[in-house]
Amino acid sequence: MNEISGKQDHPSTSAWDALSQVGPLQHAHIHDNVQVLVPSPIKMPPSVGLDTSIAHPSQSPQMPQTPHGVPAGAFLEHDLPPELLQQGWRKFWSKRENRPYFWNKLTGESLWETPLLKPQFDPITDPLGICNPPPAINGPPGPLPVKRRASEEGVGSPMPKKFILAGPWDLEIQTNIIIYERPPTTLPHPHPEIEAFRCSLASKLRHCYQELCHSREAINGPKDSFNRWLMERKVIDSGSDPLLPSNCFPEISMSMYKEIMNDIPIKLVRPKFTGDARKQLSKYAEAAKTMIESRNASPESRKVVKWSVEDTFQWLRRTVGATYEDFQDRLAHMKQQCQPHLTETVKDSVEGICLKIYHLSAEHAKKVKEKHSELLKEHGIPEITAPVQIPTLRKVWCYPIQFAIQCPRLLPQIDYLSERDQTLLRFNGDTMSINTTHLQKLEQLYRYSSFDDKKFEYFLPRVWCMLKRYNAFFGGNLNEGQGTQGALPVTVFECLNRMFGVTFECFASPLNCYFKQYCSVFPDTDSYFGSRGPFLDFKPVSGSFEANPPFCEELMEAMVNHFERLLADSPEPLSFIVFIPEWRDPAPNALLKLEASHFKRKQVVVPAFEHEYRHGFQHLISKSELNVRCAHGTLVVWLQNNSGYQRWGPTEERVEALLEAFRPGRERERDRQELLSPQRNNSGDPVSNPQTPPDNKVAVPLVPVPVVPAQVPDRPV
């Protein structure tokens, strides 16, 4: 700004002068190729690593505009009364507001309106200025002068400062994933009352499974067996409940059946000492004899098992000084002899357990649906049962799951209590805990992905529902379920993004994700925090992915089949980097299919005990317990189509960088380096940028959601 006076100082070229000196701007560079746009409910910042020169056809070239208002220097000081000049007032021109303002160089006061004259009085005879009559005011009384704030000055309003949340994640990396537009889900929005009811039924079902195993087969339910049953059922489930399986065929889960059978007659473990090996052999023989005598077994099975048990007891009595290997070999021989007959004897009983658990789950899912329907009726929200149809097929940037059903306006209050590094959320006496840093992460994810609650009125209820859902999914026992949520180290994710352009996790959750775009098992509770839904329902056409699935054989096999279908159907760059356990005795079908895949470009093995994973409960435990040494090798396989291989191919240099990122201690070194130089690059620029798809007829899709935003964005989240 310049003071308006006869003698003006120009310390720099003003905005007006700059505008008057520039020539015509060049036309914006517009591509004729495709434009990939975002569905309407999403407002996104500019994508990192994507071609920023893509423009909309509707955009017109930038042209210089004729300035409005009065240029600087048009107002002179003699426009002000001499009294105001004596009091220190000067008149200036606001370039932003295109109007004059008044500034007092003595007091620093700034006003939009003309200052009022102070009455003249004798400071000796009338020090308070009350003897003279007030000055006459011409015209109606106007409003008081409005003070001008310094922040209102400037050519344009300053850009808001972007908050970047530090932690073992990078939520600023933009997506390079392109999908076909998907219809919104017909699942209802989560509600604390409904979620508490659903999780109580799931807990009862888990307890029932334990009781059935104990009462019918005299064993404990196999560890994590119920969790793997949930995952295996969800591969084929077409029911309406996101947690409880309710519409599966076949009804008997082979995963649950095999795990129960494997623990009959007793659960075998690898003993530490020779004495433990002898005790385990004796217990197995005794349990096999008891089971075959108490069940309705065939005469042949009864004869073979009893003979094998008696032979084992005689061997134990006459053998002195047997080694550890002798006991283990004898146990393997006895199991080979007896197990087929024991399996045939208890087959109907074990199948009955599997059927009962499934039928109870279907009944519980029906109760939850009825309760949710009643809640929607109370709030006057109509249900949508038929799938929502998308009128046209369009390519868009991937976006979080959207809802077709409205959310109830009022959600119950959640009590909030912060204790040191943890935060407690309580609803009706049911308390969920989470590390404060992870709660801040959820807040940032919610800010990016929740489009119907910009005021954060539903944030705490939705966080509580999500924590409650995962707590029911994990189970209540110590460390139960944590294996399903183990994550790769942060250094590995950084390397994957830097070397292979990875921006998306195929199997993650809001609690353990590194990127803000990912797929997770629960589309309803996780959608507010960036989830794109279950990966088997996700069909991308372009992008670079990381896949570290839960260790469920049926899910891993379905994952490989899904990868191959996607790679075969898309000519655009598509890459999947898969991390699975190197199990060889026996090798699961998923591992065999990966190694035999037509799209396999390379595979490497990270040796056992030479790398670490992040703990599955990283949102609960302390930082010192985060890294867990891996007891098995990890097989890394690159599945890529031709265009994906050309862009993100596993060169020797890139593979070596990935193996180096796996080295134990690399994450701690990274943390120390970050403490010394906290200015870390959060841009997450991948090595190769995705190309826009070869389809130049892409429009903004109309997603049928209850809340339609006022502005249609044009960049990915």
Foldseek 3Di string as FASTA:
>chain_A
DWFQEPDIDDPDQDPVNVLVPDDWDDFQDEDLFAAFFAFQLAFDDFAFQADPSHDDPPDGGDTRDDDDADDWNPDYQVVDDVQVVVQQKTKGAFLQVRAIKIARPVPRWIWRDDDDGDDDDDCPPCVPPPPDDDDDDPDDDDDDTDTDDPQSGDNDRDDDDDDFADDLFFAQHFFQFKAKDDAFDLAAFDALVLLVLLLVLLQVLVVVLQVLLCPPQVAGQPFLLVLLVQVLLLVAAPDRDLGFGARGPPLFDPSSLVRSLCQPNHNDDQDDAQVVLLVVLLVNLVSLLVLLVVFPFDPVLNVQSVVLSVVSVVCVVPDDPDHSVVSVVSSVVSCVRNSVRSCVGCVVSSSVSSNVSNVSSNVSVVVSVVVVVVVCVVQPWDRDDDTDDFPDIFMHGQAFRFHLTDHRPDGDDWDWDDDVQKIWTDDPRDIFIFGPSLLVLQVVLLCRQPSPCNPCPCVSRLVVSQRSSVDSSQDDDPLRNFLQQWAAGSLLVLLCLAQQVAQEELEHASRRDRYQAYAYSGRNSGRSRHHNYHNLVGATQAGEYEYEGRPRLSVLQSVLVSLLVNQVVHPFKYKYKYKDFPDVVPGGPSVVCLVVDPQWQDKDKQAAQFFWIFTSVPRPDDPVPGTDGGRTIIMITMGIHPNNCVFRNDDPVSVVSSSVSRGPPNSVVVVVVCVVPVPDDSSSNYPHRGDDDRDHPHDHTHHNHPDRDPDGHGHGD
